[in-house]
Amino acid sequence: MGVSSFHPTAPDCPELTDYDRAHAGAYLRLLDAEAADATWEAMAQGVLGQDIGVDPAAAHIMLASHLQRAHWLRDGGFFRLLRE
């Protein structure tokens, strides 16, 4: 597996970032996977490309951060993206 394009944690600010714009599709896939009751392992591996066997704690932190950002975008952040 190649190098991940994901940072260890997603942005945690009230503004839409270039990182958010670049990863909007992944955020949507995370929300879809969550709605389908996917396990955290499946989301970390399938969406974020993490090898959970290498460092499961880091993969879990990455997933939690990106899923939190996906919720922020779903709950209002995407309106900023649409206005652009």
Protein backbone atom coordinates (compact mmCIF):
# COMPACT_ATOMS: atom_id res chain seq x y z
CA MET A 1 0.00 0.00 0.00
CA GLY A 2 1.29 3.50 -0.86
CA VAL A 3 1.81 6.50 1.34
CA SER A 4 -1.43 7.85 2.76
CA SER A 5 -2.62 11.25 1.62
CA PHE A 6 -4.31 11.70 4.98
CA HIS A 7 -2.81 13.60 7.88
CA PRO A 8 -2.76 11.87 11.28
CA THR A 9 -5.63 14.18 12.29
CA ALA A 10 -8.10 16.21 10.27
CA PRO A 11 -8.33 19.99 10.65
CA ASP A 12 -10.02 21.22 13.81
CA CYS A 13 -10.97 24.78 12.97
CA PRO A 14 -14.19 26.61 12.12
CA GLU A 15 -13.10 27.29 8.54
CA LEU A 16 -13.14 25.10 5.46
CA THR A 17 -9.54 24.28 4.54
CA ASP A 18 -7.74 23.16 1.40
CA TYR A 19 -7.31 19.81 3.16
CA ASP A 20 -11.11 19.56 3.55
CA ARG A 21 -11.62 20.38 -0.12
CA ALA A 22 -9.09 17.74 -1.15
CA HIS A 23 -10.68 15.09 1.09
CA ALA A 24 -14.40 15.90 0.70
CA GLY A 25 -14.99 12.59 -1.08
CA ALA A 26 -13.39 10.65 1.75
CA TYR A 27 -15.52 12.49 4.29
CA LEU A 28 -18.64 11.48 2.35
CA ARG A 29 -17.47 7.86 2.18
CA LEU A 30 -16.87 7.88 5.94
CA LEU A 31 -20.40 9.15 6.56
CA ASP A 32 -21.81 6.48 4.23
CA ALA A 33 -19.79 3.76 5.94
CA GLU A 34 -20.89 4.98 9.36
CA ALA A 35 -24.54 4.94 8.25
CA ALA A 36 -24.04 1.37 7.06
CA ASP A 37 -22.69 0.41 10.50
CA ALA A 38 -19.19 -0.36 9.21
CA THR A 39 -16.63 -1.17 11.87
CA TRP A 40 -13.95 1.38 12.69
CA GLU A 41 -11.40 -1.04 11.27
CA ALA A 42 -13.23 -1.25 7.95
CA MET A 43 -13.51 2.54 7.72
CA ALA A 44 -9.86 3.14 8.65
CA GLN A 45 -8.65 0.59 6.15
CA GLY A 46 -11.20 0.99 3.37
CA VAL A 47 -11.56 4.77 3.33
CA LEU A 48 -8.37 6.09 4.90
CA GLY A 49 -6.09 3.36 3.58
CA GLN A 50 -4.60 2.54 6.97
CA ASP A 51 -3.00 -0.79 7.76
CA ILE A 52 -4.59 -1.26 11.15
CA GLY A 53 -2.21 -4.09 11.98
CA VAL A 54 0.77 -1.72 12.01
CA ASP A 55 -0.53 0.78 14.58
CA PRO A 56 -4.18 0.26 15.50
CA ALA A 57 -4.19 3.12 18.02
CA ALA A 58 -2.93 5.64 15.44
CA ALA A 59 -5.41 4.34 12.85
CA HIS A 60 -8.25 4.71 15.37
CA ILE A 61 -7.21 8.28 16.22
CA MET A 62 -6.99 9.15 12.53
CA LEU A 63 -10.43 7.70 11.87
CA ALA A 64 -12.02 9.45 14.86
CA SER A 65 -10.56 12.79 13.81
CA HIS A 66 -11.64 12.47 10.18
CA LEU A 67 -15.08 11.21 11.12
CA GLN A 68 -15.52 14.16 13.49
CA ARG A 69 -14.55 16.50 10.65
CA ALA A 70 -16.98 14.70 8.33
CA HIS A 71 -19.75 15.34 10.88
CA TRP A 72 -18.78 19.02 11.05
CA LEU A 73 -18.95 19.28 7.28
CA ARG A 74 -22.26 17.43 7.13
CA ASP A 75 -23.72 19.68 9.80
CA GLY A 76 -22.80 22.96 8.13
CA GLY A 77 -19.32 23.03 6.68
CA PHE A 78 -20.41 21.83 3.24
CA PHE A 79 -22.53 24.97 2.87
CA ARG A 80 -19.25 26.88 2.77
CA LEU A 81 -18.00 24.54 0.06
CA LEU A 82 -21.16 24.96 -1.98
CA ARG A 83 -20.95 28.76 -1.75
CA GLU A 84 -17.51 28.64 -3.35
